[in-house]
Amino acid sequence: MKNKFNAKKCEADGYSFDSKKEMNYYLSHLKPRLQSGEISDLELQPCYTLHPGFKDFLGRKRIAITYTPDFKYYDKVDKQWVIVDVKGFRTDVYKIKLKLFLKLLPENTIFIEA
């Protein structure tokens, strides 16, 4: 299945990835570090709420604004959480959500755009 940016869903090691680029990042960067024990607690597609849902002044339900990067893991060497978003194309919506997310980024956490 293709998405609007021609990325094809892929699978490796029982994980489903939204693109070949995302899968290759896992296989080349994360899997070896997982196997060596350098990183732990790998999570795919963690979801963060940037703004909660609400009802507007007319009573209409407005859904929450969320940001879903590709990976989250704990780096045992650097003793910090790492969040990775593998991007082929940076949309305007992505740029806005990233700014909001970086403002809310917890301490002891770094963000990598690959």
PDB file of N, CA and C in Angstrom:
ATOM      1  N   MET A   1       0.845  -1.191   0.000  1.00  0.00           N
ATOM      2  CA  MET A   1       0.000   0.000   0.000  1.00  0.00           C
ATOM      3  C   MET A   1       0.885   1.248   0.000  1.00  0.00           C
ATOM      4  N   LYS A   2       0.526   2.222  -0.841  1.00  0.00           N
ATOM      5  CA  LYS A   2       1.279   3.470  -0.919  1.00  0.00           C
ATOM      6  C   LYS A   2       0.541   4.562  -0.173  1.00  0.00           C
ATOM      7  N   ASN A   3       1.316   5.505   0.369  1.00  0.00           N
ATOM      8  CA  ASN A   3       0.666   6.683   0.946  1.00  0.00           C
ATOM      9  C   ASN A   3       0.816   7.838  -0.043  1.00  0.00           C
ATOM     10  N   LYS A   4       0.400   9.025   0.356  1.00  0.00           N
ATOM     11  CA  LYS A   4       0.402  10.144  -0.584  1.00  0.00           C
ATOM     12  C   LYS A   4       1.802  10.591  -0.999  1.00  0.00           C
ATOM     13  N   PHE A   5       2.834  10.154  -0.273  1.00  0.00           N
ATOM     14  CA  PHE A   5       4.205  10.519  -0.638  1.00  0.00           C
ATOM     15  C   PHE A   5       4.930   9.353  -1.301  1.00  0.00           C
ATOM     16  N   ASN A   6       4.179   8.342  -1.761  1.00  0.00           N
ATOM     17  CA  ASN A   6       4.701   7.154  -2.438  1.00  0.00           C
ATOM     18  C   ASN A   6       5.560   6.262  -1.550  1.00  0.00           C
ATOM     19  N   ALA A   7       5.446   6.401  -0.246  1.00  0.00           N
ATOM     20  CA  ALA A   7       6.156   5.509   0.664  1.00  0.00           C
ATOM     21  C   ALA A   7       5.378   4.194   0.739  1.00  0.00           C
ATOM     22  N   LYS A   8       6.102   3.084   0.744  1.00  0.00           N
ATOM     23  CA  LYS A   8       5.470   1.772   0.812  1.00  0.00           C
ATOM     24  C   LYS A   8       5.661   1.185   2.205  1.00  0.00           C
ATOM     25  N   LYS A   9       4.582   0.646   2.751  1.00  0.00           N
ATOM     26  CA  LYS A   9       4.673  -0.018   4.062  1.00  0.00           C
ATOM     27  C   LYS A   9       5.582  -1.232   3.926  1.00  0.00           C
ATOM     28  N   CYS A  10       6.370  -1.491   4.986  1.00  0.00           N
ATOM     29  CA  CYS A  10       7.324  -2.589   4.992  1.00  0.00           C
ATOM     30  C   CYS A  10       7.273  -3.296   6.346  1.00  0.00           C
ATOM     31  N   GLU A  11       7.795  -4.510   6.390  1.00  0.00           N
ATOM     32  CA  GLU A  11       7.880  -5.248   7.647  1.00  0.00           C
ATOM     33  C   GLU A  11       9.275  -5.824   7.817  1.00  0.00           C
ATOM     34  N   ALA A  12       9.723  -5.853   9.079  1.00  0.00           N
ATOM     35  CA  ALA A  12      10.997  -6.479   9.430  1.00  0.00           C
ATOM     36  C   ALA A  12      10.950  -6.827  10.906  1.00  0.00           C
ATOM     37  N   ASP A  13      11.404  -7.995  11.248  1.00  0.00           N
ATOM     38  CA  ASP A  13      11.483  -8.447  12.647  1.00  0.00           C
ATOM     39  C   ASP A  13      10.145  -8.350  13.381  1.00  0.00           C
ATOM     40  N   GLY A  14       9.049  -8.512  12.652  1.00  0.00           N
ATOM     41  CA  GLY A  14       7.736  -8.450  13.276  1.00  0.00           C
ATOM     42  C   GLY A  14       7.200  -7.041  13.469  1.00  0.00           C
ATOM     43  N   TYR A  15       7.950  -6.040  13.037  1.00  0.00           N
ATOM     44  CA  TYR A  15       7.507  -4.650  13.123  1.00  0.00           C
ATOM     45  C   TYR A  15       6.972  -4.205  11.765  1.00  0.00           C
ATOM     46  N   SER A  16       6.006  -3.304  11.785  1.00  0.00           N
ATOM     47  CA  SER A  16       5.484  -2.712  10.564  1.00  0.00           C
ATOM     48  C   SER A  16       5.966  -1.265  10.491  1.00  0.00           C
ATOM     49  N   PHE A  17       6.503  -0.889   9.339  1.00  0.00           N
ATOM     50  CA  PHE A  17       7.051   0.451   9.146  1.00  0.00           C
ATOM     51  C   PHE A  17       6.278   1.167   8.047  1.00  0.00           C
ATOM     52  N   ASP A  18       6.157   2.479   8.167  1.00  0.00           N
ATOM     53  CA  ASP A  18       5.414   3.259   7.182  1.00  0.00           C
ATOM     54  C   ASP A  18       6.180   3.481   5.885  1.00  0.00           C
ATOM     55  N   SER A  19       7.500   3.257   5.915  1.00  0.00           N
ATOM     56  CA  SER A  19       8.293   3.464   4.700  1.00  0.00           C
ATOM     57  C   SER A  19       9.546   2.594   4.749  1.00  0.00           C
ATOM     58  N   LYS A  20      10.133   2.427   3.575  1.00  0.00           N
ATOM     59  CA  LYS A  20      11.385   1.676   3.477  1.00  0.00           C
ATOM     60  C   LYS A  20      12.509   2.425   4.208  1.00  0.00           C
ATOM     61  N   LYS A  21      12.475   3.744   4.119  1.00  0.00           N
ATOM     62  CA  LYS A  21      13.495   4.561   4.796  1.00  0.00           C
ATOM     63  C   LYS A  21      13.441   4.350   6.310  1.00  0.00           C
ATOM     64  N   GLU A  22      12.222   4.309   6.849  1.00  0.00           N
ATOM     65  CA  GLU A  22      12.033   4.068   8.288  1.00  0.00           C
ATOM     66  C   GLU A  22      12.525   2.667   8.669  1.00  0.00           C
ATOM     67  N   MET A  23      12.195   1.660   7.849  1.00  0.00           N
ATOM     68  CA  MET A  23      12.642   0.297   8.108  1.00  0.00           C
ATOM     69  C   MET A  23      14.174   0.211   8.057  1.00  0.00           C
ATOM     70  N   ASN A  24      14.776   0.860   7.065  1.00  0.00           N
ATOM     71  CA  ASN A  24      16.234   0.836   6.947  1.00  0.00           C
ATOM     72  C   ASN A  24      16.912   1.510   8.126  1.00  0.00           C
ATOM     73  N   TYR A  25      16.296   2.561   8.661  1.00  0.00           N
ATOM     74  CA  TYR A  25      16.851   3.212   9.855  1.00  0.00           C
ATOM     75  C   TYR A  25      16.847   2.228  11.033  1.00  0.00           C
ATOM     76  N   TYR A  26      15.737   1.524  11.190  1.00  0.00           N
ATOM     77  CA  TYR A  26      15.655   0.516  12.250  1.00  0.00           C
ATOM     78  C   TYR A  26      16.739  -0.549  12.058  1.00  0.00           C
ATOM     79  N   LEU A  27      16.843  -1.098  10.846  1.00  0.00           N
ATOM     80  CA  LEU A  27      17.777  -2.195  10.593  1.00  0.00           C
ATOM     81  C   LEU A  27      19.240  -1.773  10.726  1.00  0.00           C
ATOM     82  N   SER A  28      19.563  -0.562  10.288  1.00  0.00           N
ATOM     83  CA  SER A  28      20.975  -0.142  10.291  1.00  0.00           C
ATOM     84  C   SER A  28      21.408   0.568  11.573  1.00  0.00           C
ATOM     85  N   HIS A  29      20.494   1.285  12.234  1.00  0.00           N
ATOM     86  CA  HIS A  29      20.878   2.062  13.411  1.00  0.00           C
ATOM     87  C   HIS A  29      20.375   1.473  14.733  1.00  0.00           C
ATOM     88  N   LEU A  30      19.135   1.042  14.751  1.00  0.00           N
ATOM     89  CA  LEU A  30      18.545   0.638  16.025  1.00  0.00           C
ATOM     90  C   LEU A  30      18.736  -0.841  16.355  1.00  0.00           C
ATOM     91  N   LYS A  31      18.523  -1.703  15.404  1.00  0.00           N
ATOM     92  CA  LYS A  31      18.623  -3.146  15.665  1.00  0.00           C
ATOM     93  C   LYS A  31      20.007  -3.538  16.199  1.00  0.00           C
ATOM     94  N   PRO A  32      21.112  -3.091  15.580  1.00  0.00           N
ATOM     95  CA  PRO A  32      22.427  -3.453  16.123  1.00  0.00           C
ATOM     96  C   PRO A  32      22.642  -2.936  17.551  1.00  0.00           C
ATOM     97  N   ARG A  33      22.134  -1.748  17.845  1.00  0.00           N
ATOM     98  CA  ARG A  33      22.290  -1.178  19.192  1.00  0.00           C
ATOM     99  C   ARG A  33      21.402  -1.905  20.195  1.00  0.00           C
ATOM    100  N   LEU A  34      20.246  -2.371  19.753  1.00  0.00           N
ATOM    101  CA  LEU A  34      19.387  -3.190  20.616  1.00  0.00           C
ATOM    102  C   LEU A  34      20.082  -4.504  20.946  1.00  0.00           C
ATOM    103  N   GLN A  35      20.637  -5.141  19.924  1.00  0.00           N
ATOM    104  CA  GLN A  35      21.306  -6.430  20.108  1.00  0.00           C
ATOM    105  C   GLN A  35      22.544  -6.322  20.992  1.00  0.00           C
ATOM    106  N   SER A  36      23.239  -5.201  20.921  1.00  0.00           N
ATOM    107  CA  SER A  36      24.442  -5.020  21.746  1.00  0.00           C
ATOM    108  C   SER A  36      24.104  -4.576  23.168  1.00  0.00           C
ATOM    109  N   GLY A  37      22.840  -4.192  23.398  1.00  0.00           N
ATOM    110  CA  GLY A  37      22.437  -3.750  24.722  1.00  0.00           C
ATOM    111  C   GLY A  37      22.671  -2.277  24.986  1.00  0.00           C
ATOM    112  N   GLU A  38      23.074  -1.520  23.965  1.00  0.00           N
ATOM    113  CA  GLU A  38      23.307  -0.082  24.134  1.00  0.00           C
ATOM    114  C   GLU A  38      22.011   0.682  24.356  1.00  0.00           C
ATOM    115  N   ILE A  39      20.908   0.189  23.759  1.00  0.00           N
ATOM    116  CA  ILE A  39      19.613   0.843  23.913  1.00  0.00           C
ATOM    117  C   ILE A  39      18.579  -0.165  24.392  1.00  0.00           C
ATOM    118  N   SER A  40      17.503   0.359  24.966  1.00  0.00           N
ATOM    119  CA  SER A  40      16.413  -0.505  25.436  1.00  0.00           C
ATOM    120  C   SER A  40      15.086   0.226  25.274  1.00  0.00           C
ATOM    121  N   ASP A  41      14.024  -0.460  25.604  1.00  0.00           N
ATOM    122  CA  ASP A  41      12.677   0.133  25.619  1.00  0.00           C
ATOM    123  C   ASP A  41      12.289   0.764  24.281  1.00  0.00           C
ATOM    124  N   LEU A  42      12.637   0.088  23.184  1.00  0.00           N
ATOM    125  CA  LEU A  42      12.287   0.609  21.864  1.00  0.00           C
ATOM    126  C   LEU A  42      10.777   0.607  21.696  1.00  0.00           C
ATOM    127  N   GLU A  43      10.259   1.745  21.266  1.00  0.00           N
ATOM    128  CA  GLU A  43       8.830   1.890  21.012  1.00  0.00           C
ATOM    129  C   GLU A  43       8.658   2.478  19.619  1.00  0.00           C
ATOM    130  N   LEU A  44       7.798   1.876  18.816  1.00  0.00           N
ATOM    131  CA  LEU A  44       7.506   2.393  17.490  1.00  0.00           C
ATOM    132  C   LEU A  44       6.217   3.194  17.525  1.00  0.00           C
ATOM    133  N   GLN A  45       6.227   4.308  16.836  1.00  0.00           N
ATOM    134  CA  GLN A  45       5.061   5.172  16.704  1.00  0.00           C
ATOM    135  C   GLN A  45       4.459   5.631  18.045  1.00  0.00           C
ATOM    136  N   PRO A  46       5.298   6.118  18.979  1.00  0.00           N
ATOM    137  CA  PRO A  46       4.714   6.641  20.224  1.00  0.00           C
ATOM    138  C   PRO A  46       3.899   7.899  19.904  1.00  0.00           C
ATOM    139  N   CYS A  47       2.791   8.072  20.580  1.00  0.00           N
ATOM    140  CA  CYS A  47       1.908   9.200  20.289  1.00  0.00           C
ATOM    141  C   CYS A  47       1.941  10.204  21.443  1.00  0.00           C
ATOM    142  N   TYR A  48       2.119  11.482  21.110  1.00  0.00           N
ATOM    143  CA  TYR A  48       2.170  12.553  22.097  1.00  0.00           C
ATOM    144  C   TYR A  48       1.039  13.541  21.822  1.00  0.00           C
ATOM    145  N   THR A  49       0.345  13.942  22.862  1.00  0.00           N
ATOM    146  CA  THR A  49      -0.720  14.921  22.713  1.00  0.00           C
ATOM    147  C   THR A  49      -0.134  16.324  22.827  1.00  0.00           C
ATOM    148  N   LEU A  50      -0.289  17.103  21.763  1.00  0.00           N
ATOM    149  CA  LEU A  50       0.223  18.472  21.739  1.00  0.00           C
ATOM    150  C   LEU A  50      -0.811  19.447  22.292  1.00  0.00           C
ATOM    151  N   HIS A  51      -2.067  19.123  22.080  1.00  0.00           N
ATOM    152  CA  HIS A  51      -3.162  19.939  22.605  1.00  0.00           C
ATOM    153  C   HIS A  51      -4.353  19.011  22.780  1.00  0.00           C
ATOM    154  N   PRO A  52      -4.954  18.990  23.981  1.00  0.00           N
ATOM    155  CA  PRO A  52      -6.062  18.057  24.224  1.00  0.00           C
ATOM    156  C   PRO A  52      -7.306  18.428  23.412  1.00  0.00           C
ATOM    157  N   GLY A  53      -8.150  17.447  23.205  1.00  0.00           N
ATOM    158  CA  GLY A  53      -9.425  17.705  22.545  1.00  0.00           C
ATOM    159  C   GLY A  53     -10.308  18.570  23.443  1.00  0.00           C
ATOM    160  N   PHE A  54     -11.321  19.195  22.864  1.00  0.00           N
ATOM    161  CA  PHE A  54     -12.199  20.080  23.639  1.00  0.00           C
ATOM    162  C   PHE A  54     -13.492  20.307  22.863  1.00  0.00           C
ATOM    163  N   LYS A  55     -14.460  20.908  23.527  1.00  0.00           N
ATOM    164  CA  LYS A  55     -15.675  21.357  22.861  1.00  0.00           C
ATOM    165  C   LYS A  55     -15.563  22.869  22.683  1.00  0.00           C
ATOM    166  N   ASP A  56     -15.836  23.331  21.462  1.00  0.00           N
ATOM    167  CA  ASP A  56     -15.737  24.767  21.217  1.00  0.00           C
ATOM    168  C   ASP A  56     -16.982  25.496  21.721  1.00  0.00           C
ATOM    169  N   PHE A  57     -17.058  26.793  21.497  1.00  0.00           N
ATOM    170  CA  PHE A  57     -18.136  27.614  22.044  1.00  0.00           C
ATOM    171  C   PHE A  57     -19.507  27.264  21.453  1.00  0.00           C
ATOM    172  N   LEU A  58     -19.515  26.524  20.346  1.00  0.00           N
ATOM    173  CA  LEU A  58     -20.782  26.077  19.760  1.00  0.00           C
ATOM    174  C   LEU A  58     -21.124  24.641  20.158  1.00  0.00           C
ATOM    175  N   GLY A  59     -20.274  24.070  21.022  1.00  0.00           N
ATOM    176  CA  GLY A  59     -20.515  22.711  21.477  1.00  0.00           C
ATOM    177  C   GLY A  59     -19.989  21.634  20.547  1.00  0.00           C
ATOM    178  N   ARG A  60     -19.260  22.041  19.500  1.00  0.00           N
ATOM    179  CA  ARG A  60     -18.678  21.061  18.572  1.00  0.00           C
ATOM    180  C   ARG A  60     -17.424  20.450  19.181  1.00  0.00           C
ATOM    181  N   LYS A  61     -17.300  19.149  19.013  1.00  0.00           N
ATOM    182  CA  LYS A  61     -16.134  18.443  19.546  1.00  0.00           C
ATOM    183  C   LYS A  61     -14.937  18.662  18.620  1.00  0.00           C
ATOM    184  N   ARG A  62     -13.841  19.072  19.197  1.00  0.00           N
ATOM    185  CA  ARG A  62     -12.583  19.262  18.466  1.00  0.00           C
ATOM    186  C   ARG A  62     -11.598  18.205  18.946  1.00  0.00           C
ATOM    187  N   ILE A  63     -11.057  17.437  18.010  1.00  0.00           N
ATOM    188  CA  ILE A  63     -10.163  16.348  18.407  1.00  0.00           C
ATOM    189  C   ILE A  63      -8.802  16.896  18.851  1.00  0.00           C
ATOM    190  N   ALA A  64      -8.101  16.088  19.622  1.00  0.00           N
ATOM    191  CA  ALA A  64      -6.776  16.476  20.102  1.00  0.00           C
ATOM    192  C   ALA A  64      -5.808  16.588  18.925  1.00  0.00           C
ATOM    193  N   ILE A  65      -4.800  17.416  19.105  1.00  0.00           N
ATOM    194  CA  ILE A  65      -3.713  17.517  18.132  1.00  0.00           C
ATOM    195  C   ILE A  65      -2.588  16.639  18.668  1.00  0.00           C
ATOM    196  N   THR A  66      -2.168  15.677  17.858  1.00  0.00           N
ATOM    197  CA  THR A  66      -1.135  14.739  18.302  1.00  0.00           C
ATOM    198  C   THR A  66       0.062  14.763  17.358  1.00  0.00           C
ATOM    199  N   TYR A  67       1.170  14.270  17.870  1.00  0.00           N
ATOM    200  CA  TYR A  67       2.396  14.120  17.084  1.00  0.00           C
ATOM    201  C   TYR A  67       2.902  12.708  17.317  1.00  0.00           C
ATOM    202  N   THR A  68       3.206  12.000  16.230  1.00  0.00           N
ATOM    203  CA  THR A  68       3.643  10.617  16.332  1.00  0.00           C
ATOM    204  C   THR A  68       4.971  10.440  15.603  1.00  0.00           C
ATOM    205  N   PRO A  69       6.085  10.498  16.335  1.00  0.00           N
ATOM    206  CA  PRO A  69       7.377  10.235  15.702  1.00  0.00           C
ATOM    207  C   PRO A  69       7.511   8.736  15.408  1.00  0.00           C
ATOM    208  N   ASP A  70       8.596   8.346  14.787  1.00  0.00           N
ATOM    209  CA  ASP A  70       8.762   6.952  14.388  1.00  0.00           C
ATOM    210  C   ASP A  70       9.274   6.048  15.502  1.00  0.00           C
ATOM    211  N   PHE A  71      10.200   6.541  16.303  1.00  0.00           N
ATOM    212  CA  PHE A  71      10.819   5.699  17.328  1.00  0.00           C
ATOM    213  C   PHE A  71      11.054   6.470  18.629  1.00  0.00           C
ATOM    214  N   LYS A  72      11.033   5.728  19.716  1.00  0.00           N
ATOM    215  CA  LYS A  72      11.448   6.238  21.022  1.00  0.00           C
ATOM    216  C   LYS A  72      12.222   5.098  21.676  1.00  0.00           C
ATOM    217  N   TYR A  73      13.357   5.424  22.291  1.00  0.00           N
ATOM    218  CA  TYR A  73      14.126   4.398  22.991  1.00  0.00           C
ATOM    219  C   TYR A  73      14.973   5.053  24.082  1.00  0.00           C
ATOM    220  N   TYR A  74      15.480   4.199  24.967  1.00  0.00           N
ATOM    221  CA  TYR A  74      16.359   4.688  26.022  1.00  0.00           C
ATOM    222  C   TYR A  74      17.791   4.341  25.657  1.00  0.00           C
ATOM    223  N   ASP A  75      18.650   5.351  25.616  1.00  0.00           N
ATOM    224  CA  ASP A  75      20.069   5.167  25.321  1.00  0.00           C
ATOM    225  C   ASP A  75      20.786   4.920  26.645  1.00  0.00           C
ATOM    226  N   LYS A  76      21.209   3.678  26.860  1.00  0.00           N
ATOM    227  CA  LYS A  76      21.854   3.307  28.123  1.00  0.00           C
ATOM    228  C   LYS A  76      23.244   3.927  28.256  1.00  0.00           C
ATOM    229  N   VAL A  77      23.894   4.185  27.136  1.00  0.00           N
ATOM    230  CA  VAL A  77      25.239   4.764  27.159  1.00  0.00           C
ATOM    231  C   VAL A  77      25.171   6.231  27.608  1.00  0.00           C
ATOM    232  N   ASP A  78      24.302   7.003  26.963  1.00  0.00           N
ATOM    233  CA  ASP A  78      24.177   8.432  27.282  1.00  0.00           C
ATOM    234  C   ASP A  78      23.170   8.714  28.390  1.00  0.00           C
ATOM    235  N   LYS A  79      22.482   7.657  28.836  1.00  0.00           N
ATOM    236  CA  LYS A  79      21.491   7.763  29.917  1.00  0.00           C
ATOM    237  C   LYS A  79      20.443   8.836  29.629  1.00  0.00           C
ATOM    238  N   GLN A  80      19.805   8.689  28.470  1.00  0.00           N
ATOM    239  CA  GLN A  80      18.757   9.632  28.096  1.00  0.00           C
ATOM    240  C   GLN A  80      17.791   8.971  27.116  1.00  0.00           C
ATOM    241  N   TRP A  81      16.587   9.523  27.064  1.00  0.00           N
ATOM    242  CA  TRP A  81      15.594   9.082  26.100  1.00  0.00           C
ATOM    243  C   TRP A  81      15.878   9.747  24.762  1.00  0.00           C
ATOM    244  N   VAL A  82      15.616   9.021  23.689  1.00  0.00           N
ATOM    245  CA  VAL A  82      15.834   9.528  22.338  1.00  0.00           C
ATOM    246  C   VAL A  82      14.545   9.316  21.539  1.00  0.00           C
ATOM    247  N   ILE A  83      14.140  10.355  20.829  1.00  0.00           N
ATOM    248  CA  ILE A  83      12.979  10.279  19.958  1.00  0.00           C
ATOM    249  C   ILE A  83      13.469  10.571  18.546  1.00  0.00           C
ATOM    250  N   VAL A  84      13.088   9.684  17.621  1.00  0.00           N
ATOM    251  CA  VAL A  84      13.572   9.789  16.243  1.00  0.00           C
ATOM    252  C   VAL A  84      12.390   9.877  15.297  1.00  0.00           C
ATOM    253  N   ASP A  85      12.474  10.815  14.355  1.00  0.00           N
ATOM    254  CA  ASP A  85      11.494  10.892  13.286  1.00  0.00           C
ATOM    255  C   ASP A  85      12.257  10.805  11.968  1.00  0.00           C
ATOM    256  N   VAL A  86      11.964   9.771  11.200  1.00  0.00           N
ATOM    257  CA  VAL A  86      12.610   9.561   9.908  1.00  0.00           C
ATOM    258  C   VAL A  86      11.743  10.249   8.860  1.00  0.00           C
ATOM    259  N   LYS A  87      12.295  11.246   8.213  1.00  0.00           N
ATOM    260  CA  LYS A  87      11.509  12.050   7.287  1.00  0.00           C
ATOM    261  C   LYS A  87      12.052  11.970   5.874  1.00  0.00           C
ATOM    262  N   GLY A  88      11.140  11.815   4.938  1.00  0.00           N
ATOM    263  CA  GLY A  88      11.485  11.929   3.529  1.00  0.00           C
ATOM    264  C   GLY A  88      11.075  13.293   3.016  1.00  0.00           C
ATOM    265  N   PHE A  89      10.002  13.838   3.624  1.00  0.00           N
ATOM    266  CA  PHE A  89       9.460  15.123   3.180  1.00  0.00           C
ATOM    267  C   PHE A  89       8.901  15.850   4.395  1.00  0.00           C
ATOM    268  N   ARG A  90       9.293  17.109   4.578  1.00  0.00           N
ATOM    269  CA  ARG A  90       8.832  17.913   5.723  1.00  0.00           C
ATOM    270  C   ARG A  90       7.661  18.789   5.291  1.00  0.00           C
ATOM    271  N   THR A  91       6.451  18.380   5.653  1.00  0.00           N
ATOM    272  CA  THR A  91       5.263  19.162   5.308  1.00  0.00           C
ATOM    273  C   THR A  91       5.150  20.364   6.237  1.00  0.00           C
ATOM    274  N   ASP A  92       4.316  21.316   5.868  1.00  0.00           N
ATOM    275  CA  ASP A  92       4.085  22.486   6.719  1.00  0.00           C
ATOM    276  C   ASP A  92       3.446  22.064   8.040  1.00  0.00           C
ATOM    277  N   VAL A  93       2.522  21.110   7.980  1.00  0.00           N
ATOM    278  CA  VAL A  93       1.888  20.614   9.210  1.00  0.00           C
ATOM    279  C   VAL A  93       2.933  19.973  10.118  1.00  0.00           C
ATOM    280  N   TYR A  94       3.828  19.177   9.538  1.00  0.00           N
ATOM    281  CA  TYR A  94       4.896  18.556  10.323  1.00  0.00           C
ATOM    282  C   TYR A  94       5.750  19.623  11.017  1.00  0.00           C
ATOM    283  N   LYS A  95       6.110  20.669  10.303  1.00  0.00           N
ATOM    284  CA  LYS A  95       6.955  21.722  10.872  1.00  0.00           C
ATOM    285  C   LYS A  95       6.280  22.384  12.074  1.00  0.00           C
ATOM    286  N   ILE A  96       4.984  22.625  11.978  1.00  0.00           N
ATOM    287  CA  ILE A  96       4.244  23.235  13.098  1.00  0.00           C
ATOM    288  C   ILE A  96       4.169  22.267  14.276  1.00  0.00           C
ATOM    289  N   LYS A  97       3.811  21.006  14.001  1.00  0.00           N
ATOM    290  CA  LYS A  97       3.714  20.015  15.081  1.00  0.00           C
ATOM    291  C   LYS A  97       5.064  19.801  15.750  1.00  0.00           C
ATOM    292  N   LEU A  98       6.140  19.820  14.959  1.00  0.00           N
ATOM    293  CA  LEU A  98       7.472  19.633  15.532  1.00  0.00           C
ATOM    294  C   LEU A  98       7.813  20.768  16.490  1.00  0.00           C
ATOM    295  N   LYS A  99       7.495  21.997  16.126  1.00  0.00           N
ATOM    296  CA  LYS A  99       7.754  23.133  17.023  1.00  0.00           C
ATOM    297  C   LYS A  99       7.008  22.968  18.340  1.00  0.00           C
ATOM    298  N   LEU A 100       5.739  22.583  18.250  1.00  0.00           N
ATOM    299  CA  LEU A 100       4.947  22.368  19.472  1.00  0.00           C
ATOM    300  C   LEU A 100       5.521  21.224  20.298  1.00  0.00           C
ATOM    301  N   PHE A 101       5.925  20.150  19.619  1.00  0.00           N
ATOM    302  CA  PHE A 101       6.478  18.997  20.322  1.00  0.00           C
ATOM    303  C   PHE A 101       7.787  19.343  21.028  1.00  0.00           C
ATOM    304  N   LEU A 102       8.668  20.044  20.337  1.00  0.00           N
ATOM    305  CA  LEU A 102       9.964  20.391  20.936  1.00  0.00           C
ATOM    306  C   LEU A 102       9.791  21.274  22.167  1.00  0.00           C
ATOM    307  N   LYS A 103       8.756  22.095  22.172  1.00  0.00           N
ATOM    308  CA  LYS A 103       8.456  22.923  23.342  1.00  0.00           C
ATOM    309  C   LYS A 103       8.068  22.049  24.540  1.00  0.00           C
ATOM    310  N   LEU A 104       7.400  20.927  24.268  1.00  0.00           N
ATOM    311  CA  LEU A 104       6.930  20.024  25.321  1.00  0.00           C
ATOM    312  C   LEU A 104       7.899  18.878  25.622  1.00  0.00           C
ATOM    313  N   LEU A 105       9.016  18.824  24.908  1.00  0.00           N
ATOM    314  CA  LEU A 105       9.963  17.714  25.049  1.00  0.00           C
ATOM    315  C   LEU A 105      10.437  17.588  26.490  1.00  0.00           C
ATOM    316  N   PRO A 106      10.254  16.410  27.084  1.00  0.00           N
ATOM    317  CA  PRO A 106      10.678  16.223  28.481  1.00  0.00           C
ATOM    318  C   PRO A 106      12.188  16.392  28.652  1.00  0.00           C
ATOM    319  N   GLU A 107      12.591  16.750  29.859  1.00  0.00           N
ATOM    320  CA  GLU A 107      14.026  16.841  30.158  1.00  0.00           C
ATOM    321  C   GLU A 107      14.654  15.474  29.963  1.00  0.00           C
ATOM    322  N   ASN A 108      15.951  15.454  29.740  1.00  0.00           N
ATOM    323  CA  ASN A 108      16.707  14.225  29.549  1.00  0.00           C
ATOM    324  C   ASN A 108      16.225  13.459  28.315  1.00  0.00           C
ATOM    325  N   THR A 109      15.743  14.194  27.308  1.00  0.00           N
ATOM    326  CA  THR A 109      15.278  13.594  26.062  1.00  0.00           C
ATOM    327  C   THR A 109      15.847  14.385  24.911  1.00  0.00           C
ATOM    328  N   ILE A 110      16.352  13.683  23.900  1.00  0.00           N
ATOM    329  CA  ILE A 110      16.829  14.380  22.704  1.00  0.00           C
ATOM    330  C   ILE A 110      15.981  13.952  21.520  1.00  0.00           C
ATOM    331  N   PHE A 111      15.946  14.821  20.521  1.00  0.00           N
ATOM    332  CA  PHE A 111      15.181  14.571  19.309  1.00  0.00           C
ATOM    333  C   PHE A 111      16.141  14.482  18.141  1.00  0.00           C
ATOM    334  N   ILE A 112      15.953  13.457  17.302  1.00  0.00           N
ATOM    335  CA  ILE A 112      16.762  13.280  16.097  1.00  0.00           C
ATOM    336  C   ILE A 112      15.833  13.217  14.903  1.00  0.00           C
ATOM    337  N   GLU A 113      16.111  14.031  13.903  1.00  0.00           N
ATOM    338  CA  GLU A 113      15.386  13.932  12.649  1.00  0.00           C
ATOM    339  C   GLU A 113      16.324  13.271  11.642  1.00  0.00           C
ATOM    340  N   ALA A 114      15.930  12.097  11.186  1.00  0.00           N
ATOM    341  CA  ALA A 114      16.809  11.336  10.286  1.00  0.00           C
ATOM    342  C   ALA A 114      16.274  11.344   8.866  1.00  0.00           C
TER     343      ALA A 114
END
